[in-house]
Amino acid sequence: MELTLNQLKQYDGTNPSNPIYIAVKGRIFDVTTGKSFYGPGSSYAMFAGKDASRALAKMSKNDEDVIGSLDGLTEKEIGVLDDWEKKFEAKYPIVGSLAA
């Protein structure tokens, strides 16, 4: 399955009949089992239905960082993102990718 960023927004947890998806480095993870983390009103709800790559790399919950751009990230931040990606891979199924 391939989704655009606009289509990904439909999977932000606000519609209970849809799963919750988060994109990391262009791959889409189904994080529905982590609803307590990513569902509406939860600690990381701002990542749901979005590409959270930059925010994860920067360990940020700021809206302006919840984007896919990796431009200007330090080597350390890229390492942090790689660690997050491994955690997502271990915990959640990959269901697709972001359309380029």
PDB file of N, CA and C in Angstrom:
ATOM      1  N   MET A   1       0.846  -1.177   0.000  1.00  0.00           N
ATOM      2  CA  MET A   1       0.000   0.000   0.000  1.00  0.00           C
ATOM      3  C   MET A   1       0.890   1.238   0.000  1.00  0.00           C
ATOM      4  N   GLU A   2       0.514   2.193  -0.813  1.00  0.00           N
ATOM      5  CA  GLU A   2       1.237   3.454  -0.868  1.00  0.00           C
ATOM      6  C   GLU A   2       0.251   4.593  -0.584  1.00  0.00           C
ATOM      7  N   LEU A   3       0.613   5.460   0.340  1.00  0.00           N
ATOM      8  CA  LEU A   3      -0.252   6.581   0.706  1.00  0.00           C
ATOM      9  C   LEU A   3       0.487   7.900   0.540  1.00  0.00           C
ATOM     10  N   THR A   4      -0.260   8.928   0.203  1.00  0.00           N
ATOM     11  CA  THR A   4       0.304  10.281   0.224  1.00  0.00           C
ATOM     12  C   THR A   4       0.220  10.787   1.667  1.00  0.00           C
ATOM     13  N   LEU A   5       0.903  11.870   1.965  1.00  0.00           N
ATOM     14  CA  LEU A   5       0.812  12.458   3.304  1.00  0.00           C
ATOM     15  C   LEU A   5      -0.623  12.841   3.621  1.00  0.00           C
ATOM     16  N   ASN A   6      -1.328  13.324   2.604  1.00  0.00           N
ATOM     17  CA  ASN A   6      -2.726  13.720   2.797  1.00  0.00           C
ATOM     18  C   ASN A   6      -3.598  12.507   3.154  1.00  0.00           C
ATOM     19  N   GLN A   7      -3.377  11.397   2.474  1.00  0.00           N
ATOM     20  CA  GLN A   7      -4.131  10.174   2.766  1.00  0.00           C
ATOM     21  C   GLN A   7      -3.774   9.625   4.156  1.00  0.00           C
ATOM     22  N   LEU A   8      -2.519   9.763   4.531  1.00  0.00           N
ATOM     23  CA  LEU A   8      -2.055   9.269   5.831  1.00  0.00           C
ATOM     24  C   LEU A   8      -2.804   9.941   6.985  1.00  0.00           C
ATOM     25  N   LYS A   9      -3.208  11.184   6.800  1.00  0.00           N
ATOM     26  CA  LYS A   9      -3.929  11.937   7.841  1.00  0.00           C
ATOM     27  C   LYS A   9      -5.217  11.245   8.286  1.00  0.00           C
ATOM     28  N   GLN A  10      -5.800  10.431   7.414  1.00  0.00           N
ATOM     29  CA  GLN A  10      -7.034   9.710   7.751  1.00  0.00           C
ATOM     30  C   GLN A  10      -6.815   8.670   8.847  1.00  0.00           C
ATOM     31  N   TYR A  11      -5.558   8.356   9.122  1.00  0.00           N
ATOM     32  CA  TYR A  11      -5.214   7.293  10.069  1.00  0.00           C
ATOM     33  C   TYR A  11      -4.590   7.877  11.340  1.00  0.00           C
ATOM     34  N   ASP A  12      -5.204   8.954  11.844  1.00  0.00           N
ATOM     35  CA  ASP A  12      -4.665   9.653  13.014  1.00  0.00           C
ATOM     36  C   ASP A  12      -5.334   9.252  14.321  1.00  0.00           C
ATOM     37  N   GLY A  13      -6.234   8.267  14.254  1.00  0.00           N
ATOM     38  CA  GLY A  13      -6.880   7.779  15.457  1.00  0.00           C
ATOM     39  C   GLY A  13      -8.194   8.455  15.793  1.00  0.00           C
ATOM     40  N   THR A  14      -8.577   9.481  15.039  1.00  0.00           N
ATOM     41  CA  THR A  14      -9.834  10.177  15.345  1.00  0.00           C
ATOM     42  C   THR A  14     -11.052   9.403  14.851  1.00  0.00           C
ATOM     43  N   ASN A  15     -10.860   8.542  13.856  1.00  0.00           N
ATOM     44  CA  ASN A  15     -11.936   7.678  13.374  1.00  0.00           C
ATOM     45  C   ASN A  15     -11.694   6.273  13.935  1.00  0.00           C
ATOM     46  N   PRO A  16     -12.502   5.842  14.905  1.00  0.00           N
ATOM     47  CA  PRO A  16     -12.253   4.550  15.556  1.00  0.00           C
ATOM     48  C   PRO A  16     -12.297   3.345  14.614  1.00  0.00           C
ATOM     49  N   SER A  17     -12.881   3.493  13.432  1.00  0.00           N
ATOM     50  CA  SER A  17     -12.929   2.356  12.513  1.00  0.00           C
ATOM     51  C   SER A  17     -11.660   2.245  11.660  1.00  0.00           C
ATOM     52  N   ASN A  18     -10.786   3.243  11.715  1.00  0.00           N
ATOM     53  CA  ASN A  18      -9.512   3.197  10.982  1.00  0.00           C
ATOM     54  C   ASN A  18      -8.373   2.835  11.926  1.00  0.00           C
ATOM     55  N   PRO A  19      -7.359   2.146  11.402  1.00  0.00           N
ATOM     56  CA  PRO A  19      -6.169   1.910  12.223  1.00  0.00           C
ATOM     57  C   PRO A  19      -5.403   3.224  12.424  1.00  0.00           C
ATOM     58  N   ILE A  20      -4.412   3.201  13.295  1.00  0.00           N
ATOM     59  CA  ILE A  20      -3.557   4.370  13.516  1.00  0.00           C
ATOM     60  C   ILE A  20      -2.210   4.084  12.853  1.00  0.00           C
ATOM     61  N   TYR A  21      -1.811   4.984  11.950  1.00  0.00           N
ATOM     62  CA  TYR A  21      -0.554   4.818  11.223  1.00  0.00           C
ATOM     63  C   TYR A  21       0.395   5.975  11.535  1.00  0.00           C
ATOM     64  N   ILE A  22       1.682   5.649  11.544  1.00  0.00           N
ATOM     65  CA  ILE A  22       2.742   6.651  11.654  1.00  0.00           C
ATOM     66  C   ILE A  22       3.801   6.277  10.629  1.00  0.00           C
ATOM     67  N   ALA A  23       4.292   7.277   9.905  1.00  0.00           N
ATOM     68  CA  ALA A  23       5.369   7.036   8.946  1.00  0.00           C
ATOM     69  C   ALA A  23       6.711   7.395   9.590  1.00  0.00           C
ATOM     70  N   VAL A  24       7.703   6.539   9.335  1.00  0.00           N
ATOM     71  CA  VAL A  24       9.068   6.766   9.784  1.00  0.00           C
ATOM     72  C   VAL A  24       9.982   6.452   8.610  1.00  0.00           C
ATOM     73  N   LYS A  25      10.734   7.454   8.172  1.00  0.00           N
ATOM     74  CA  LYS A  25      11.663   7.288   7.045  1.00  0.00           C
ATOM     75  C   LYS A  25      10.978   6.671   5.825  1.00  0.00           C
ATOM     76  N   GLY A  26       9.774   7.149   5.536  1.00  0.00           N
ATOM     77  CA  GLY A  26       9.072   6.742   4.325  1.00  0.00           C
ATOM     78  C   GLY A  26       8.271   5.461   4.426  1.00  0.00           C
ATOM     79  N   ARG A  27       8.404   4.751   5.536  1.00  0.00           N
ATOM     80  CA  ARG A  27       7.640   3.514   5.723  1.00  0.00           C
ATOM     81  C   ARG A  27       6.510   3.771   6.712  1.00  0.00           C
ATOM     82  N   ILE A  28       5.369   3.141   6.461  1.00  0.00           N
ATOM     83  CA  ILE A  28       4.183   3.353   7.296  1.00  0.00           C
ATOM     84  C   ILE A  28       4.011   2.163   8.240  1.00  0.00           C
ATOM     85  N   PHE A  29       3.929   2.494   9.526  1.00  0.00           N
ATOM     86  CA  PHE A  29       3.745   1.480  10.566  1.00  0.00           C
ATOM     87  C   PHE A  29       2.324   1.564  11.112  1.00  0.00           C
ATOM     88  N   ASP A  30       1.730   0.394  11.354  1.00  0.00           N
ATOM     89  CA  ASP A  30       0.417   0.326  11.995  1.00  0.00           C
ATOM     90  C   ASP A  30       0.659   0.270  13.504  1.00  0.00           C
ATOM     91  N   VAL A  31       0.410   1.396  14.176  1.00  0.00           N
ATOM     92  CA  VAL A  31       0.670   1.503  15.617  1.00  0.00           C
ATOM     93  C   VAL A  31      -0.616   1.404  16.433  1.00  0.00           C
ATOM     94  N   THR A  32      -1.655   0.825  15.843  1.00  0.00           N
ATOM     95  CA  THR A  32      -2.949   0.720  16.517  1.00  0.00           C
ATOM     96  C   THR A  32      -2.834   0.032  17.874  1.00  0.00           C
ATOM     97  N   THR A  33      -1.973  -0.973  17.980  1.00  0.00           N
ATOM     98  CA  THR A  33      -1.808  -1.657  19.271  1.00  0.00           C
ATOM     99  C   THR A  33      -1.188  -0.730  20.323  1.00  0.00           C
ATOM    100  N   GLY A  34      -0.595   0.360  19.883  1.00  0.00           N
ATOM    101  CA  GLY A  34      -0.030   1.355  20.797  1.00  0.00           C
ATOM    102  C   GLY A  34      -0.954   2.547  20.981  1.00  0.00           C
ATOM    103  N   LYS A  35      -2.259   2.301  20.894  1.00  0.00           N
ATOM    104  CA  LYS A  35      -3.263   3.362  20.987  1.00  0.00           C
ATOM    105  C   LYS A  35      -3.083   4.215  22.247  1.00  0.00           C
ATOM    106  N   SER A  36      -2.643   3.603  23.340  1.00  0.00           N
ATOM    107  CA  SER A  36      -2.449   4.367  24.577  1.00  0.00           C
ATOM    108  C   SER A  36      -1.317   5.393  24.432  1.00  0.00           C
ATOM    109  N   PHE A  37      -0.425   5.189  23.459  1.00  0.00           N
ATOM    110  CA  PHE A  37       0.649   6.143  23.172  1.00  0.00           C
ATOM    111  C   PHE A  37       0.264   7.126  22.072  1.00  0.00           C
ATOM    112  N   TYR A  38      -0.426   6.624  21.027  1.00  0.00           N
ATOM    113  CA  TYR A  38      -0.632   7.395  19.800  1.00  0.00           C
ATOM    114  C   TYR A  38      -2.078   7.793  19.530  1.00  0.00           C
ATOM    115  N   GLY A  39      -3.013   7.285  20.318  1.00  0.00           N
ATOM    116  CA  GLY A  39      -4.424   7.618  20.121  1.00  0.00           C
ATOM    117  C   GLY A  39      -4.737   9.040  20.562  1.00  0.00           C
ATOM    118  N   PRO A  40      -5.920   9.540  20.203  1.00  0.00           N
ATOM    119  CA  PRO A  40      -6.318  10.904  20.563  1.00  0.00           C
ATOM    120  C   PRO A  40      -6.182  11.156  22.069  1.00  0.00           C
ATOM    121  N   GLY A  41      -5.567  12.278  22.408  1.00  0.00           N
ATOM    122  CA  GLY A  41      -5.393  12.660  23.801  1.00  0.00           C
ATOM    123  C   GLY A  41      -4.209  12.010  24.498  1.00  0.00           C
ATOM    124  N   SER A  42      -3.488  11.153  23.789  1.00  0.00           N
ATOM    125  CA  SER A  42      -2.341  10.468  24.400  1.00  0.00           C
ATOM    126  C   SER A  42      -1.063  11.299  24.241  1.00  0.00           C
ATOM    127  N   SER A  43       0.002  10.833  24.870  1.00  0.00           N
ATOM    128  CA  SER A  43       1.269  11.567  24.905  1.00  0.00           C
ATOM    129  C   SER A  43       1.874  11.857  23.540  1.00  0.00           C
ATOM    130  N   TYR A  44       1.689  10.943  22.592  1.00  0.00           N
ATOM    131  CA  TYR A  44       2.314  11.087  21.272  1.00  0.00           C
ATOM    132  C   TYR A  44       1.285  11.160  20.152  1.00  0.00           C
ATOM    133  N   ALA A  45       0.086  11.619  20.474  1.00  0.00           N
ATOM    134  CA  ALA A  45      -0.993  11.705  19.480  1.00  0.00           C
ATOM    135  C   ALA A  45      -0.608  12.594  18.298  1.00  0.00           C
ATOM    136  N   MET A  46       0.292  13.561  18.528  1.00  0.00           N
ATOM    137  CA  MET A  46       0.665  14.472  17.434  1.00  0.00           C
ATOM    138  C   MET A  46       1.412  13.760  16.308  1.00  0.00           C
ATOM    139  N   PHE A  47       1.889  12.541  16.532  1.00  0.00           N
ATOM    140  CA  PHE A  47       2.589  11.781  15.494  1.00  0.00           C
ATOM    141  C   PHE A  47       1.624  10.976  14.616  1.00  0.00           C
ATOM    142  N   ALA A  48       0.444  10.675  15.128  1.00  0.00           N
ATOM    143  CA  ALA A  48      -0.497   9.802  14.438  1.00  0.00           C
ATOM    144  C   ALA A  48      -0.978  10.423  13.131  1.00  0.00           C
ATOM    145  N   GLY A  49      -0.957   9.629  12.074  1.00  0.00           N
ATOM    146  CA  GLY A  49      -1.396  10.097  10.768  1.00  0.00           C
ATOM    147  C   GLY A  49      -0.392  11.003  10.079  1.00  0.00           C
ATOM    148  N   LYS A  50       0.854  10.979  10.547  1.00  0.00           N
ATOM    149  CA  LYS A  50       1.885  11.871   9.986  1.00  0.00           C
ATOM    150  C   LYS A  50       3.204  11.130   9.831  1.00  0.00           C
ATOM    151  N   ASP A  51       4.130  11.807   9.139  1.00  0.00           N
ATOM    152  CA  ASP A  51       5.513  11.329   9.076  1.00  0.00           C
ATOM    153  C   ASP A  51       6.227  11.955  10.270  1.00  0.00           C
ATOM    154  N   ALA A  52       6.611  11.143  11.223  1.00  0.00           N
ATOM    155  CA  ALA A  52       7.202  11.634  12.474  1.00  0.00           C
ATOM    156  C   ALA A  52       8.728  11.567  12.482  1.00  0.00           C
ATOM    157  N   SER A  53       9.345  11.355  11.325  1.00  0.00           N
ATOM    158  CA  SER A  53      10.792  11.125  11.267  1.00  0.00           C
ATOM    159  C   SER A  53      11.608  12.221  11.949  1.00  0.00           C
ATOM    160  N   ARG A  54      11.397  13.481  11.560  1.00  0.00           N
ATOM    161  CA  ARG A  54      12.191  14.575  12.116  1.00  0.00           C
ATOM    162  C   ARG A  54      11.951  14.723  13.620  1.00  0.00           C
ATOM    163  N   ALA A  55      10.695  14.634  14.034  1.00  0.00           N
ATOM    164  CA  ALA A  55      10.364  14.778  15.454  1.00  0.00           C
ATOM    165  C   ALA A  55      11.043  13.679  16.280  1.00  0.00           C
ATOM    166  N   LEU A  56      11.033  12.452  15.784  1.00  0.00           N
ATOM    167  CA  LEU A  56      11.690  11.362  16.506  1.00  0.00           C
ATOM    168  C   LEU A  56      13.191  11.594  16.591  1.00  0.00           C
ATOM    169  N   ALA A  57      13.788  12.038  15.490  1.00  0.00           N
ATOM    170  CA  ALA A  57      15.231  12.302  15.467  1.00  0.00           C
ATOM    171  C   ALA A  57      15.616  13.372  16.477  1.00  0.00           C
ATOM    172  N   LYS A  58      14.775  14.389  16.596  1.00  0.00           N
ATOM    173  CA  LYS A  58      15.063  15.519  17.485  1.00  0.00           C
ATOM    174  C   LYS A  58      14.472  15.332  18.884  1.00  0.00           C
ATOM    175  N   MET A  59      13.788  14.183  19.089  1.00  0.00           N
ATOM    176  CA  MET A  59      13.119  13.934  20.371  1.00  0.00           C
ATOM    177  C   MET A  59      12.211  15.111  20.705  1.00  0.00           C
ATOM    178  N   SER A  60      11.416  15.516  19.712  1.00  0.00           N
ATOM    179  CA  SER A  60      10.586  16.708  19.815  1.00  0.00           C
ATOM    180  C   SER A  60       9.119  16.370  19.629  1.00  0.00           C
ATOM    181  N   LYS A  61       8.272  17.101  20.345  1.00  0.00           N
ATOM    182  CA  LYS A  61       6.826  16.984  20.137  1.00  0.00           C
ATOM    183  C   LYS A  61       6.275  18.265  19.526  1.00  0.00           C
ATOM    184  N   ASN A  62       7.142  19.133  19.051  1.00  0.00           N
ATOM    185  CA  ASN A  62       6.709  20.387  18.431  1.00  0.00           C
ATOM    186  C   ASN A  62       6.125  20.117  17.053  1.00  0.00           C
ATOM    187  N   ASP A  63       4.967  20.733  16.783  1.00  0.00           N
ATOM    188  CA  ASP A  63       4.288  20.514  15.506  1.00  0.00           C
ATOM    189  C   ASP A  63       5.197  20.737  14.301  1.00  0.00           C
ATOM    190  N   GLU A  64       6.052  21.763  14.368  1.00  0.00           N
ATOM    191  CA  GLU A  64       6.898  22.076  13.208  1.00  0.00           C
ATOM    192  C   GLU A  64       7.931  20.981  12.935  1.00  0.00           C
ATOM    193  N   ASP A  65       8.161  20.104  13.903  1.00  0.00           N
ATOM    194  CA  ASP A  65       9.110  19.010  13.702  1.00  0.00           C
ATOM    195  C   ASP A  65       8.447  17.715  13.249  1.00  0.00           C
ATOM    196  N   VAL A  66       7.118  17.660  13.263  1.00  0.00           N
ATOM    197  CA  VAL A  66       6.420  16.423  12.880  1.00  0.00           C
ATOM    198  C   VAL A  66       6.270  16.402  11.356  1.00  0.00           C
ATOM    199  N   ILE A  67       7.435  16.244  10.706  1.00  0.00           N
ATOM    200  CA  ILE A  67       7.525  16.201   9.241  1.00  0.00           C
ATOM    201  C   ILE A  67       8.562  15.150   8.850  1.00  0.00           C
ATOM    202  N   GLY A  68       8.603  14.839   7.590  1.00  0.00           N
ATOM    203  CA  GLY A  68       9.525  13.813   7.116  1.00  0.00           C
ATOM    204  C   GLY A  68      10.906  14.313   6.769  1.00  0.00           C
ATOM    205  N   SER A  69      11.087  15.632   6.662  1.00  0.00           N
ATOM    206  CA  SER A  69      12.369  16.184   6.223  1.00  0.00           C
ATOM    207  C   SER A  69      13.487  15.870   7.212  1.00  0.00           C
ATOM    208  N   LEU A  70      14.577  15.362   6.690  1.00  0.00           N
ATOM    209  CA  LEU A  70      15.753  15.084   7.515  1.00  0.00           C
ATOM    210  C   LEU A  70      16.842  16.123   7.282  1.00  0.00           C
ATOM    211  N   ASP A  71      16.536  17.158   6.498  1.00  0.00           N
ATOM    212  CA  ASP A  71      17.512  18.196   6.177  1.00  0.00           C
ATOM    213  C   ASP A  71      18.039  18.868   7.437  1.00  0.00           C
ATOM    214  N   GLY A  72      19.359  18.973   7.517  1.00  0.00           N
ATOM    215  CA  GLY A  72      19.984  19.692   8.609  1.00  0.00           C
ATOM    216  C   GLY A  72      20.099  18.931   9.916  1.00  0.00           C
ATOM    217  N   LEU A  73      19.701  17.670   9.939  1.00  0.00           N
ATOM    218  CA  LEU A  73      19.838  16.889  11.167  1.00  0.00           C
ATOM    219  C   LEU A  73      21.309  16.541  11.387  1.00  0.00           C
ATOM    220  N   THR A  74      21.705  16.496  12.649  1.00  0.00           N
ATOM    221  CA  THR A  74      23.076  16.126  12.974  1.00  0.00           C
ATOM    222  C   THR A  74      23.232  14.603  12.867  1.00  0.00           C
ATOM    223  N   GLU A  75      24.475  14.160  12.872  1.00  0.00           N
ATOM    224  CA  GLU A  75      24.748  12.729  12.832  1.00  0.00           C
ATOM    225  C   GLU A  75      24.126  12.038  14.047  1.00  0.00           C
ATOM    226  N   LYS A  76      24.198  12.701  15.200  1.00  0.00           N
ATOM    227  CA  LYS A  76      23.618  12.145  16.429  1.00  0.00           C
ATOM    228  C   LYS A  76      22.102  11.997  16.279  1.00  0.00           C
ATOM    229  N   GLU A  77      21.444  13.016  15.707  1.00  0.00           N
ATOM    230  CA  GLU A  77      19.993  12.955  15.515  1.00  0.00           C
ATOM    231  C   GLU A  77      19.601  11.840  14.552  1.00  0.00           C
ATOM    232  N   ILE A  78      20.392  11.648  13.501  1.00  0.00           N
ATOM    233  CA  ILE A  78      20.134  10.541  12.564  1.00  0.00           C
ATOM    234  C   ILE A  78      20.265   9.211  13.297  1.00  0.00           C
ATOM    235  N   GLY A  79      21.238   9.110  14.191  1.00  0.00           N
ATOM    236  CA  GLY A  79      21.410   7.898  14.996  1.00  0.00           C
ATOM    237  C   GLY A  79      20.212   7.645  15.897  1.00  0.00           C
ATOM    238  N   VAL A  80      19.682   8.719  16.487  1.00  0.00           N
ATOM    239  CA  VAL A  80      18.486   8.605  17.331  1.00  0.00           C
ATOM    240  C   VAL A  80      17.308   8.109  16.491  1.00  0.00           C
ATOM    241  N   LEU A  81      17.155   8.678  15.291  1.00  0.00           N
ATOM    242  CA  LEU A  81      16.079   8.252  14.391  1.00  0.00           C
ATOM    243  C   LEU A  81      16.225   6.781  14.018  1.00  0.00           C
ATOM    244  N   ASP A  82      17.447   6.355  13.738  1.00  0.00           N
ATOM    245  CA  ASP A  82      17.689   4.947  13.396  1.00  0.00           C
ATOM    246  C   ASP A  82      17.280   4.032  14.552  1.00  0.00           C
ATOM    247  N   ASP A  83      17.568   4.465  15.781  1.00  0.00           N
ATOM    248  CA  ASP A  83      17.165   3.684  16.961  1.00  0.00           C
ATOM    249  C   ASP A  83      15.645   3.594  17.061  1.00  0.00           C
ATOM    250  N   TRP A  84      14.960   4.725  16.830  1.00  0.00           N
ATOM    251  CA  TRP A  84      13.489   4.726  16.852  1.00  0.00           C
ATOM    252  C   TRP A  84      12.935   3.801  15.771  1.00  0.00           C
ATOM    253  N   GLU A  85      13.546   3.867  14.598  1.00  0.00           N
ATOM    254  CA  GLU A  85      13.087   3.020  13.491  1.00  0.00           C
ATOM    255  C   GLU A  85      13.178   1.540  13.878  1.00  0.00           C
ATOM    256  N   LYS A  86      14.268   1.148  14.530  1.00  0.00           N
ATOM    257  CA  LYS A  86      14.440  -0.244  14.964  1.00  0.00           C
ATOM    258  C   LYS A  86      13.372  -0.621  15.991  1.00  0.00           C
ATOM    259  N   LYS A  87      13.052   0.306  16.895  1.00  0.00           N
ATOM    260  CA  LYS A  87      12.003   0.038  17.896  1.00  0.00           C
ATOM    261  C   LYS A  87      10.648  -0.169  17.216  1.00  0.00           C
ATOM    262  N   PHE A  88      10.350   0.681  16.237  1.00  0.00           N
ATOM    263  CA  PHE A  88       9.086   0.545  15.507  1.00  0.00           C
ATOM    264  C   PHE A  88       9.058  -0.787  14.756  1.00  0.00           C
ATOM    265  N   GLU A  89      10.175  -1.137  14.105  1.00  0.00           N
ATOM    266  CA  GLU A  89      10.235  -2.397  13.346  1.00  0.00           C
ATOM    267  C   GLU A  89       9.994  -3.603  14.260  1.00  0.00           C
ATOM    268  N   ALA A  90      10.493  -3.542  15.483  1.00  0.00           N
ATOM    269  CA  ALA A  90      10.362  -4.653  16.417  1.00  0.00           C
ATOM    270  C   ALA A  90       8.947  -4.764  16.986  1.00  0.00           C
ATOM    271  N   LYS A  91       8.235  -3.644  17.022  1.00  0.00           N
ATOM    272  CA  LYS A  91       6.964  -3.607  17.742  1.00  0.00           C
ATOM    273  C   LYS A  91       5.721  -3.552  16.844  1.00  0.00           C
ATOM    274  N   TYR A  92       5.854  -2.935  15.669  1.00  0.00           N
ATOM    275  CA  TYR A  92       4.674  -2.667  14.835  1.00  0.00           C
ATOM    276  C   TYR A  92       4.871  -3.168  13.404  1.00  0.00           C
ATOM    277  N   PRO A  93       3.794  -3.657  12.780  1.00  0.00           N
ATOM    278  CA  PRO A  93       3.897  -4.107  11.384  1.00  0.00           C
ATOM    279  C   PRO A  93       4.030  -2.935  10.405  1.00  0.00           C
ATOM    280  N   ILE A  94       4.821  -3.141   9.368  1.00  0.00           N
ATOM    281  CA  ILE A  94       4.928  -2.174   8.280  1.00  0.00           C
ATOM    282  C   ILE A  94       3.797  -2.480   7.314  1.00  0.00           C
ATOM    283  N   VAL A  95       2.968  -1.475   7.022  1.00  0.00           N
ATOM    284  CA  VAL A  95       1.800  -1.709   6.167  1.00  0.00           C
ATOM    285  C   VAL A  95       1.899  -1.021   4.813  1.00  0.00           C
ATOM    286  N   GLY A  96       2.954  -0.245   4.620  1.00  0.00           N
ATOM    287  CA  GLY A  96       3.088   0.425   3.326  1.00  0.00           C
ATOM    288  C   GLY A  96       4.191   1.459   3.339  1.00  0.00           C
ATOM    289  N   SER A  97       4.132   2.322   2.338  1.00  0.00           N
ATOM    290  CA  SER A  97       5.133   3.372   2.221  1.00  0.00           C
ATOM    291  C   SER A  97       4.476   4.670   1.770  1.00  0.00           C
ATOM    292  N   LEU A  98       5.197   5.746   1.997  1.00  0.00           N
ATOM    293  CA  LEU A  98       4.706   7.060   1.558  1.00  0.00           C
ATOM    294  C   LEU A  98       4.987   7.245   0.084  1.00  0.00           C
ATOM    295  N   ALA A  99       4.033   7.795  -0.621  1.00  0.00           N
ATOM    296  CA  ALA A  99       4.233   8.095  -2.045  1.00  0.00           C
ATOM    297  C   ALA A  99       5.232   9.231  -2.149  1.00  0.00           C
ATOM    298  N   ALA A 100       6.140   9.085  -3.086  1.00  0.00           N
ATOM    299  CA  ALA A 100       7.196  10.096  -3.268  1.00  0.00           C
ATOM    300  C   ALA A 100       6.645  11.367  -3.872  1.00  0.00           C
TER     301      ALA A 100
END
